[in-house]
Amino acid sequence: MDVKLAKKTAAIEAVNYVENGFIVGLGTGSTAYFAIQEIATRIKQKVLTISGAVSTSLQTEQIARQANIPLLNSFEKIDITIDGADEIDPNGNLIKGGGAALTREKIVAAATENLVIVVDQSKLVKKLGAFPLPLEILPFGWETTYKKVESFGCRIGVRKADHKLVITDNGNYVFDCKFLEIDEPEKLSVELNQIPGVVENGLFIGLTKTAIVGRENQNTEITRF
C-alpha cells in the first residue's frame, strides 16, 4: 500500500467537513500537512472561507503561515480539527504524540466540536499500546518523575534526536513509554496525569468524533463516534 497516498486521500476527504466560517484546528505531522495544503488551496480558489485557524505546534504554525492560512492567537471553541494519530482503536481512542505536540494537540482537541482523525490503515489497532505512549514531562526533577512512571510497568525512553534531548514547544522533555498493551486506557490516562511532573500524556480518550481511514486504491472508510 502507498501509505503517503492513503494519508493524502484521507486528509483531502477530511477537508470536505470544513464549512465556510468555521474555526479550524490544524494538527501536527505528515497527515495533517496534506489537510493544511488542501485547506490553503480551497481558500486560494475562493471555494472556502474560514474565520481562522488554530495551530497545534510551531511547526504547523509555520506551514500555515507559508500557505497564507489566517491564524488565531486565542480561542475558546473550535468547530473542527483535522489531525493524525499514531494508533486508533475501535472506540476511537488514540495514542498521539509521535511529533511531540501532544499537549497542544489535546488542548485543541478538547475545545473542538468535531475532532476528525485521519490515518492510514496501518494505524488501526484492536488495543492501544504497541506504539510507545508519549508523556510530556517537566525538566525539573525529571529523574523522580521517571521512577514514578516506571512503576506502572513500562519501559521508558527519554526521547532524543541527533543525540540531544527533544524539547517540546512548551520547553519540556518527552518520555516514550512501552506498555505493549493498554487494557484500561482511560484509567491509565488519569493515573499518569496525577504524577507530579507529568504535563500531559498521549492517550486521547473519548475525543474523536470522526475517523477517516485511507485504504488501498485511494478508498476511504469513515466512522463516526
C-alpha atoms as a PDB file:
ATOM      1  CA  MET A   1       0.000   0.000   0.000  1.00  0.00           C
ATOM      2  CA  ASP A   2       1.177   3.520  -0.806  1.00  0.00           C
ATOM      3  CA  VAL A   3       0.959   4.980   2.710  1.00  0.00           C
ATOM      4  CA  LYS A   4       1.620   8.547   1.602  1.00  0.00           C
ATOM      5  CA  LEU A   5      -1.167   8.402  -0.967  1.00  0.00           C
ATOM      6  CA  ALA A   6      -3.549   6.833   1.574  1.00  0.00           C
ATOM      7  CA  LYS A   7      -2.856   9.649   4.036  1.00  0.00           C
ATOM      8  CA  LYS A   8      -3.303  12.316   1.379  1.00  0.00           C
ATOM      9  CA  THR A   9      -6.578  10.835   0.135  1.00  0.00           C
ATOM     10  CA  ALA A  10      -7.987  10.645   3.657  1.00  0.00           C
ATOM     11  CA  ALA A  11      -6.810  14.161   4.509  1.00  0.00           C
ATOM     12  CA  ILE A  12      -8.496  15.636   1.448  1.00  0.00           C
ATOM     13  CA  GLU A  13     -11.698  13.803   2.391  1.00  0.00           C
ATOM     14  CA  ALA A  14     -11.466  15.341   5.883  1.00  0.00           C
ATOM     15  CA  VAL A  15     -11.348  18.866   4.464  1.00  0.00           C
ATOM     16  CA  ASN A  16     -14.813  18.263   2.997  1.00  0.00           C
ATOM     17  CA  TYR A  17     -16.088  18.572   6.575  1.00  0.00           C
ATOM     18  CA  VAL A  18     -14.802  22.159   6.834  1.00  0.00           C
ATOM     19  CA  GLU A  19     -17.601  24.665   6.251  1.00  0.00           C
ATOM     20  CA  ASN A  20     -17.467  28.363   5.478  1.00  0.00           C
ATOM     21  CA  GLY A  21     -16.976  30.479   8.591  1.00  0.00           C
ATOM     22  CA  PHE A  22     -15.512  27.637  10.653  1.00  0.00           C
ATOM     23  CA  ILE A  23     -12.655  27.985  13.110  1.00  0.00           C
ATOM     24  CA  VAL A  24     -10.316  25.137  12.182  1.00  0.00           C
ATOM     25  CA  GLY A  25      -7.770  23.317  14.325  1.00  0.00           C
ATOM     26  CA  LEU A  26      -4.676  22.279  12.414  1.00  0.00           C
ATOM     27  CA  GLY A  27      -2.932  19.127  13.576  1.00  0.00           C
ATOM     28  CA  THR A  28       0.763  18.301  13.541  1.00  0.00           C
ATOM     29  CA  GLY A  29       2.556  15.749  11.391  1.00  0.00           C
ATOM     30  CA  SER A  30       2.656  14.321   7.896  1.00  0.00           C
ATOM     31  CA  THR A  31      -1.071  13.562   7.602  1.00  0.00           C
ATOM     32  CA  ALA A  32      -2.152  16.962   8.894  1.00  0.00           C
ATOM     33  CA  TYR A  33       0.221  18.577   6.408  1.00  0.00           C
ATOM     34  CA  PHE A  34      -1.876  17.292   3.498  1.00  0.00           C
ATOM     35  CA  ALA A  35      -5.033  18.723   5.095  1.00  0.00           C
ATOM     36  CA  ILE A  36      -3.378  22.113   5.610  1.00  0.00           C
ATOM     37  CA  GLN A  37      -2.324  22.259   1.963  1.00  0.00           C
ATOM     38  CA  GLU A  38      -5.819  21.307   0.807  1.00  0.00           C
ATOM     39  CA  ILE A  39      -7.408  23.980   3.020  1.00  0.00           C
ATOM     40  CA  ALA A  40      -4.962  26.553   1.633  1.00  0.00           C
ATOM     41  CA  THR A  41      -5.800  25.533  -1.942  1.00  0.00           C
ATOM     42  CA  ARG A  42      -9.541  25.884  -1.385  1.00  0.00           C
ATOM     43  CA  ILE A  43      -9.102  29.278   0.270  1.00  0.00           C
ATOM     44  CA  LYS A  44      -6.933  30.461  -2.628  1.00  0.00           C
ATOM     45  CA  GLN A  45      -9.521  29.199  -5.122  1.00  0.00           C
ATOM     46  CA  LYS A  46     -12.188  31.063  -3.113  1.00  0.00           C
ATOM     47  CA  VAL A  47     -14.318  27.964  -2.654  1.00  0.00           C
ATOM     48  CA  LEU A  48     -13.740  28.082   1.117  1.00  0.00           C
ATOM     49  CA  THR A  49     -13.575  30.855   3.675  1.00  0.00           C
ATOM     50  CA  ILE A  50     -12.731  30.253   7.331  1.00  0.00           C
ATOM     51  CA  SER A  51     -12.874  32.507  10.364  1.00  0.00           C
ATOM     52  CA  GLY A  52      -9.354  31.457  11.315  1.00  0.00           C
ATOM     53  CA  ALA A  53      -7.192  28.522  12.271  1.00  0.00           C
ATOM     54  CA  VAL A  54      -5.518  27.304  15.442  1.00  0.00           C
ATOM     55  CA  SER A  55      -2.182  25.513  15.137  1.00  0.00           C
ATOM     56  CA  THR A  56      -1.139  22.673  17.444  1.00  0.00           C
ATOM     57  CA  SER A  57       2.596  23.303  17.115  1.00  0.00           C
ATOM     58  CA  LEU A  58       5.147  25.859  15.995  1.00  0.00           C
ATOM     59  CA  GLN A  59       5.882  23.614  13.021  1.00  0.00           C
ATOM     60  CA  THR A  60       2.233  23.682  11.956  1.00  0.00           C
ATOM     61  CA  GLU A  61       2.076  27.432  12.535  1.00  0.00           C
ATOM     62  CA  GLN A  62       4.971  27.944  10.143  1.00  0.00           C
ATOM     63  CA  ILE A  63       3.394  25.715   7.480  1.00  0.00           C
ATOM     64  CA  ALA A  64       0.053  27.521   7.819  1.00  0.00           C
ATOM     65  CA  ARG A  65       1.650  30.965   7.551  1.00  0.00           C
ATOM     66  CA  GLN A  66       3.539  29.922   4.430  1.00  0.00           C
ATOM     67  CA  ALA A  67       0.224  28.714   2.997  1.00  0.00           C
ATOM     68  CA  ASN A  68      -1.467  32.047   3.859  1.00  0.00           C
ATOM     69  CA  ILE A  69      -3.982  30.485   6.224  1.00  0.00           C
ATOM     70  CA  PRO A  70      -5.222  33.085   8.759  1.00  0.00           C
ATOM     71  CA  LEU A  71      -4.202  32.086  12.299  1.00  0.00           C
ATOM     72  CA  LEU A  72      -5.875  32.957  15.582  1.00  0.00           C
ATOM     73  CA  ASN A  73      -3.915  33.928  18.696  1.00  0.00           C
ATOM     74  CA  SER A  74      -6.688  32.849  21.078  1.00  0.00           C
ATOM     75  CA  PHE A  75      -9.719  30.602  21.020  1.00  0.00           C
ATOM     76  CA  GLU A  76     -12.492  29.215  23.206  1.00  0.00           C
ATOM     77  CA  LYS A  77     -14.266  26.895  20.801  1.00  0.00           C
ATOM     78  CA  ILE A  78     -13.111  25.232  17.593  1.00  0.00           C
ATOM     79  CA  ASP A  79     -15.577  23.915  15.027  1.00  0.00           C
ATOM     80  CA  ILE A  80     -13.375  21.214  13.515  1.00  0.00           C
ATOM     81  CA  THR A  81      -9.845  19.921  13.979  1.00  0.00           C
ATOM     82  CA  ILE A  82      -8.101  17.659  11.487  1.00  0.00           C
ATOM     83  CA  ASP A  83      -5.226  15.684  12.953  1.00  0.00           C
ATOM     84  CA  GLY A  84      -3.450  12.357  12.658  1.00  0.00           C
ATOM     85  CA  ALA A  85      -2.757   9.637  15.210  1.00  0.00           C
ATOM     86  CA  ASP A  86      -0.120   7.033  15.964  1.00  0.00           C
ATOM     87  CA  GLU A  87      -2.773   4.466  16.910  1.00  0.00           C
ATOM     88  CA  ILE A  88      -6.574   4.345  16.928  1.00  0.00           C
ATOM     89  CA  ASP A  89      -8.699   1.598  18.496  1.00  0.00           C
ATOM     90  CA  PRO A  90     -12.264   0.511  17.560  1.00  0.00           C
ATOM     91  CA  ASN A  91     -13.721   3.015  20.051  1.00  0.00           C
ATOM     92  CA  GLY A  92     -11.874   5.968  18.542  1.00  0.00           C
ATOM     93  CA  ASN A  93      -9.386   6.195  21.392  1.00  0.00           C
ATOM     94  CA  LEU A  94      -5.930   7.298  20.313  1.00  0.00           C
ATOM     95  CA  ILE A  95      -2.265   7.365  21.068  1.00  0.00           C
ATOM     96  CA  LYS A  96      -0.757  10.623  19.834  1.00  0.00           C
ATOM     97  CA  GLY A  97       2.493  12.447  20.405  1.00  0.00           C
ATOM     98  CA  GLY A  98       4.901  10.963  17.906  1.00  0.00           C
ATOM     99  CA  GLY A  99       5.556  14.537  16.824  1.00  0.00           C
ATOM    100  CA  ALA A 100       5.988  15.737  20.439  1.00  0.00           C
ATOM    101  CA  ALA A 101       2.983  18.096  20.193  1.00  0.00           C
ATOM    102  CA  LEU A 102       0.615  16.049  22.369  1.00  0.00           C
ATOM    103  CA  THR A 103      -0.188  18.721  24.980  1.00  0.00           C
ATOM    104  CA  ARG A 104      -1.191  21.395  22.498  1.00  0.00           C
ATOM    105  CA  GLU A 105      -2.964  18.779  20.389  1.00  0.00           C
ATOM    106  CA  LYS A 106      -5.019  17.675  23.389  1.00  0.00           C
ATOM    107  CA  ILE A 107      -5.908  21.248  24.373  1.00  0.00           C
ATOM    108  CA  VAL A 108      -7.129  21.887  20.840  1.00  0.00           C
ATOM    109  CA  ALA A 109      -8.932  18.536  20.653  1.00  0.00           C
ATOM    110  CA  ALA A 110     -10.761  19.188  23.926  1.00  0.00           C
ATOM    111  CA  ALA A 111     -12.025  22.533  22.596  1.00  0.00           C
ATOM    112  CA  THR A 112     -13.189  21.026  19.291  1.00  0.00           C
ATOM    113  CA  GLU A 113     -16.747  20.125  18.354  1.00  0.00           C
ATOM    114  CA  ASN A 114     -15.716  17.670  15.606  1.00  0.00           C
ATOM    115  CA  LEU A 115     -12.273  16.107  16.004  1.00  0.00           C
ATOM    116  CA  VAL A 116     -11.554  14.399  12.693  1.00  0.00           C
ATOM    117  CA  ILE A 117      -8.731  11.885  12.888  1.00  0.00           C
ATOM    118  CA  VAL A 118      -7.072  10.942   9.622  1.00  0.00           C
ATOM    119  CA  VAL A 119      -4.915   7.808   9.407  1.00  0.00           C
ATOM    120  CA  ASP A 120      -3.801   5.130   7.028  1.00  0.00           C
ATOM    121  CA  GLN A 121      -4.945   1.593   7.804  1.00  0.00           C
ATOM    122  CA  SER A 122      -1.632   0.658   9.457  1.00  0.00           C
ATOM    123  CA  LYS A 123      -2.618   2.816  12.457  1.00  0.00           C
ATOM    124  CA  LEU A 124      -5.697   0.697  13.242  1.00  0.00           C
ATOM    125  CA  VAL A 125      -5.266  -1.494  16.340  1.00  0.00           C
ATOM    126  CA  LYS A 126      -7.552  -3.698  18.409  1.00  0.00           C
ATOM    127  CA  LYS A 127      -5.926  -2.459  21.610  1.00  0.00           C
ATOM    128  CA  LEU A 128      -3.697   0.578  22.223  1.00  0.00           C
ATOM    129  CA  GLY A 129      -0.115   0.174  23.357  1.00  0.00           C
ATOM    130  CA  ALA A 130       2.070  -1.230  20.584  1.00  0.00           C
ATOM    131  CA  PHE A 131       3.175   2.325  19.799  1.00  0.00           C
ATOM    132  CA  PRO A 132       5.122   3.783  22.759  1.00  0.00           C
ATOM    133  CA  LEU A 133       2.930   6.147  24.768  1.00  0.00           C
ATOM    134  CA  PRO A 134       4.439   9.663  24.856  1.00  0.00           C
ATOM    135  CA  LEU A 135       4.392  11.764  28.018  1.00  0.00           C
ATOM    136  CA  GLU A 136       5.353  15.431  28.170  1.00  0.00           C
ATOM    137  CA  ILE A 137       7.480  15.930  31.293  1.00  0.00           C
ATOM    138  CA  LEU A 138       8.728  18.983  33.179  1.00  0.00           C
ATOM    139  CA  PRO A 139      12.548  19.142  33.135  1.00  0.00           C
ATOM    140  CA  PHE A 140      12.680  19.972  36.850  1.00  0.00           C
ATOM    141  CA  GLY A 141      13.093  16.756  38.820  1.00  0.00           C
ATOM    142  CA  TRP A 142      12.531  14.608  35.732  1.00  0.00           C
ATOM    143  CA  GLU A 143      14.527  11.735  37.231  1.00  0.00           C
ATOM    144  CA  THR A 144      11.974  11.438  40.038  1.00  0.00           C
ATOM    145  CA  THR A 145       9.134  11.529  37.525  1.00  0.00           C
ATOM    146  CA  TYR A 146      10.916   8.797  35.563  1.00  0.00           C
ATOM    147  CA  LYS A 147      10.927   6.464  38.580  1.00  0.00           C
ATOM    148  CA  LYS A 148       7.246   7.030  39.284  1.00  0.00           C
ATOM    149  CA  VAL A 149       6.216   6.433  35.677  1.00  0.00           C
ATOM    150  CA  GLU A 150       8.407   3.329  35.569  1.00  0.00           C
ATOM    151  CA  SER A 151       6.410   1.873  38.475  1.00  0.00           C
ATOM    152  CA  PHE A 152       3.484   1.464  36.054  1.00  0.00           C
ATOM    153  CA  GLY A 153       5.353  -1.421  34.459  1.00  0.00           C
ATOM    154  CA  CYS A 154       6.519   0.210  31.259  1.00  0.00           C
ATOM    155  CA  ARG A 155       9.926   0.592  29.660  1.00  0.00           C
ATOM    156  CA  ILE A 156      10.797   4.278  29.265  1.00  0.00           C
ATOM    157  CA  GLY A 157      12.931   6.005  26.703  1.00  0.00           C
ATOM    158  CA  VAL A 158      13.747   9.679  27.099  1.00  0.00           C
ATOM    159  CA  ARG A 159      13.252  10.983  23.573  1.00  0.00           C
ATOM    160  CA  LYS A 160      16.329  12.248  21.775  1.00  0.00           C
ATOM    161  CA  ALA A 161      17.143  13.470  18.279  1.00  0.00           C
ATOM    162  CA  ASP A 162      20.690  13.843  16.989  1.00  0.00           C
ATOM    163  CA  HIS A 163      21.912  12.688  20.408  1.00  0.00           C
ATOM    164  CA  LYS A 164      20.165  15.619  22.108  1.00  0.00           C
ATOM    165  CA  LEU A 165      17.069  15.635  24.294  1.00  0.00           C
ATOM    166  CA  VAL A 166      13.931  16.541  22.358  1.00  0.00           C
ATOM    167  CA  ILE A 167      12.443  19.763  23.738  1.00  0.00           C
ATOM    168  CA  THR A 168       8.759  20.391  23.110  1.00  0.00           C
ATOM    169  CA  ASP A 169       7.304  23.730  22.031  1.00  0.00           C
ATOM    170  CA  ASN A 170       6.466  24.174  25.721  1.00  0.00           C
ATOM    171  CA  GLY A 171      10.089  23.690  26.811  1.00  0.00           C
ATOM    172  CA  ASN A 172       9.612  20.192  28.232  1.00  0.00           C
ATOM    173  CA  TYR A 173      11.007  16.667  27.762  1.00  0.00           C
ATOM    174  CA  VAL A 174       9.263  13.643  26.257  1.00  0.00           C
ATOM    175  CA  PHE A 175       9.172  10.136  27.716  1.00  0.00           C
ATOM    176  CA  ASP A 176       8.217   7.284  25.373  1.00  0.00           C
ATOM    177  CA  CYS A 177       6.635   4.520  27.452  1.00  0.00           C
ATOM    178  CA  LYS A 178       6.395   0.990  26.083  1.00  0.00           C
ATOM    179  CA  PHE A 179       3.387  -0.834  27.564  1.00  0.00           C
ATOM    180  CA  LEU A 180       2.807  -3.448  24.789  1.00  0.00           C
ATOM    181  CA  GLU A 181      -0.948  -3.405  25.545  1.00  0.00           C
ATOM    182  CA  ILE A 182      -3.034  -0.908  27.492  1.00  0.00           C
ATOM    183  CA  ASP A 183      -6.053  -2.668  28.989  1.00  0.00           C
ATOM    184  CA  GLU A 184      -7.692   0.378  30.614  1.00  0.00           C
ATOM    185  CA  PRO A 185      -6.607   3.492  28.693  1.00  0.00           C
ATOM    186  CA  GLU A 186      -8.985   5.895  30.445  1.00  0.00           C
ATOM    187  CA  LYS A 187      -7.809   4.768  33.899  1.00  0.00           C
ATOM    188  CA  LEU A 188      -4.152   4.905  32.873  1.00  0.00           C
ATOM    189  CA  SER A 189      -4.566   8.405  31.454  1.00  0.00           C
ATOM    190  CA  VAL A 190      -5.980   9.721  34.728  1.00  0.00           C
ATOM    191  CA  GLU A 191      -3.326   7.994  36.838  1.00  0.00           C
ATOM    192  CA  LEU A 192      -0.398   9.190  34.733  1.00  0.00           C
ATOM    193  CA  ASN A 193      -1.590  12.788  34.844  1.00  0.00           C
ATOM    194  CA  GLN A 194      -1.694  12.610  38.637  1.00  0.00           C
ATOM    195  CA  ILE A 195       2.088  12.116  38.801  1.00  0.00           C
ATOM    196  CA  PRO A 196       3.855  15.379  39.691  1.00  0.00           C
ATOM    197  CA  GLY A 197       5.990  16.404  36.742  1.00  0.00           C
ATOM    198  CA  VAL A 198       3.759  14.866  34.073  1.00  0.00           C
ATOM    199  CA  VAL A 199       2.357  17.709  31.998  1.00  0.00           C
ATOM    200  CA  GLU A 200       0.191  15.532  29.733  1.00  0.00           C
ATOM    201  CA  ASN A 201       0.011  12.057  28.258  1.00  0.00           C
ATOM    202  CA  GLY A 202      -0.657  10.925  24.691  1.00  0.00           C
ATOM    203  CA  LEU A 203      -3.858   8.985  25.399  1.00  0.00           C
ATOM    204  CA  PHE A 204      -6.788  10.751  23.723  1.00  0.00           C
ATOM    205  CA  ILE A 205      -9.883   9.160  25.218  1.00  0.00           C
ATOM    206  CA  GLY A 206     -13.412   9.926  24.056  1.00  0.00           C
ATOM    207  CA  LEU A 207     -12.377  12.933  21.967  1.00  0.00           C
ATOM    208  CA  THR A 208     -12.599  11.575  18.419  1.00  0.00           C
ATOM    209  CA  LYS A 209     -15.862  12.292  16.639  1.00  0.00           C
ATOM    210  CA  THR A 210     -14.895  11.193  13.119  1.00  0.00           C
ATOM    211  CA  ALA A 211     -12.198   8.841  11.845  1.00  0.00           C
ATOM    212  CA  ILE A 212     -11.221   8.728   8.198  1.00  0.00           C
ATOM    213  CA  VAL A 213      -9.037   5.785   7.235  1.00  0.00           C
ATOM    214  CA  GLY A 214      -7.117   5.811   3.990  1.00  0.00           C
ATOM    215  CA  ARG A 215      -7.029   2.360   2.456  1.00  0.00           C
ATOM    216  CA  GLU A 216      -5.707   0.815  -0.723  1.00  0.00           C
ATOM    217  CA  ASN A 217      -6.776   2.062  -4.168  1.00  0.00           C
ATOM    218  CA  GLN A 218      -7.458   5.550  -2.787  1.00  0.00           C
ATOM    219  CA  ASN A 219     -10.521   4.349  -0.908  1.00  0.00           C
ATOM    220  CA  THR A 220     -11.503   5.837   2.447  1.00  0.00           C
ATOM    221  CA  GLU A 221     -13.516   4.438   5.325  1.00  0.00           C
ATOM    222  CA  ILE A 222     -15.400   6.888   7.562  1.00  0.00           C
ATOM    223  CA  THR A 223     -16.516   6.108  11.111  1.00  0.00           C
ATOM    224  CA  ARG A 224     -18.489   8.368  13.440  1.00  0.00           C
ATOM    225  CA  PHE A 225     -18.194   8.026  17.233  1.00  0.00           C
END
